[in-house]
Amino acid sequence: MEPEELDAGWTDILATVLLAHSHCCTCNGTGLDGDGDTCRDCDGTGIDNHGA
């Protein structure tokens, strides 16, 4: 695969992934993990508390 093909793939992926600023990247701001439990990264707040 050529580098241009890899770049094109990432463009499509990033266009479909919704990330809101200051939302937790682990739970995407929901406060819940994949199992429906409290997100351990943000302690359930849904807020990015790591400043990344």
Protein backbone atom coordinates (compact mmCIF):
# COMPACT_ATOMS: atom_id res chain seq x y z
CA MET A 1 0.00 0.00 0.00
CA GLU A 2 1.33 3.42 -0.96
CA PRO A 3 1.47 6.28 1.60
CA GLU A 4 -1.18 8.21 -0.35
CA GLU A 5 -3.57 5.28 0.03
CA LEU A 6 -3.00 5.21 3.79
CA ASP A 7 -3.69 8.94 4.06
CA ALA A 8 -6.94 8.57 2.11
CA GLY A 9 -8.08 5.84 4.49
CA TRP A 10 -7.47 8.00 7.56
CA THR A 11 -9.40 10.87 6.02
CA ASP A 12 -12.47 8.64 5.70
CA ILE A 13 -12.08 7.28 9.22
CA LEU A 14 -11.64 10.69 10.82
CA ALA A 15 -14.64 12.05 8.93
CA THR A 16 -16.89 9.40 10.49
CA VAL A 17 -15.57 9.56 14.06
CA LEU A 18 -17.16 12.32 16.11
CA LEU A 19 -14.94 13.68 18.87
CA ALA A 20 -16.08 16.74 20.75
CA HIS A 21 -13.56 19.04 22.37
CA SER A 22 -13.21 18.58 26.13
CA HIS A 23 -15.16 15.32 26.08
CA CYS A 24 -13.50 12.21 27.47
CA CYS A 25 -11.90 10.31 24.58
CA THR A 26 -12.46 6.94 26.27
CA CYS A 27 -16.26 7.19 26.57
CA ASN A 28 -16.80 10.07 24.07
CA GLY A 29 -18.45 12.13 26.78
CA THR A 30 -21.09 9.63 27.85
CA GLY A 31 -19.51 8.81 31.22
CA LEU A 32 -20.04 5.11 30.54
CA ASP A 33 -17.61 2.49 29.32
CA GLY A 34 -18.39 -0.22 26.78
CA ASP A 35 -19.97 -2.42 29.47
CA GLY A 36 -22.31 0.32 30.68
CA ASP A 37 -20.26 0.89 33.83
CA THR A 38 -18.81 4.20 35.00
CA CYS A 39 -15.91 5.23 32.77
CA ARG A 40 -12.71 4.85 34.78
CA ASP A 41 -10.86 7.45 32.73
CA CYS A 42 -13.16 10.38 33.59
CA ASP A 43 -14.86 8.90 36.68
CA GLY A 44 -18.22 9.13 34.90
CA THR A 45 -18.16 12.89 34.31
CA GLY A 46 -17.70 12.63 30.52
CA ILE A 47 -15.19 15.49 30.71
CA ASP A 48 -11.58 15.23 29.51
CA ASN A 49 -9.69 15.65 32.74
CA HIS A 50 -6.29 14.90 31.24
CA GLY A 51 -5.94 17.99 29.10
CA ALA A 52 -4.95 16.03 26.01
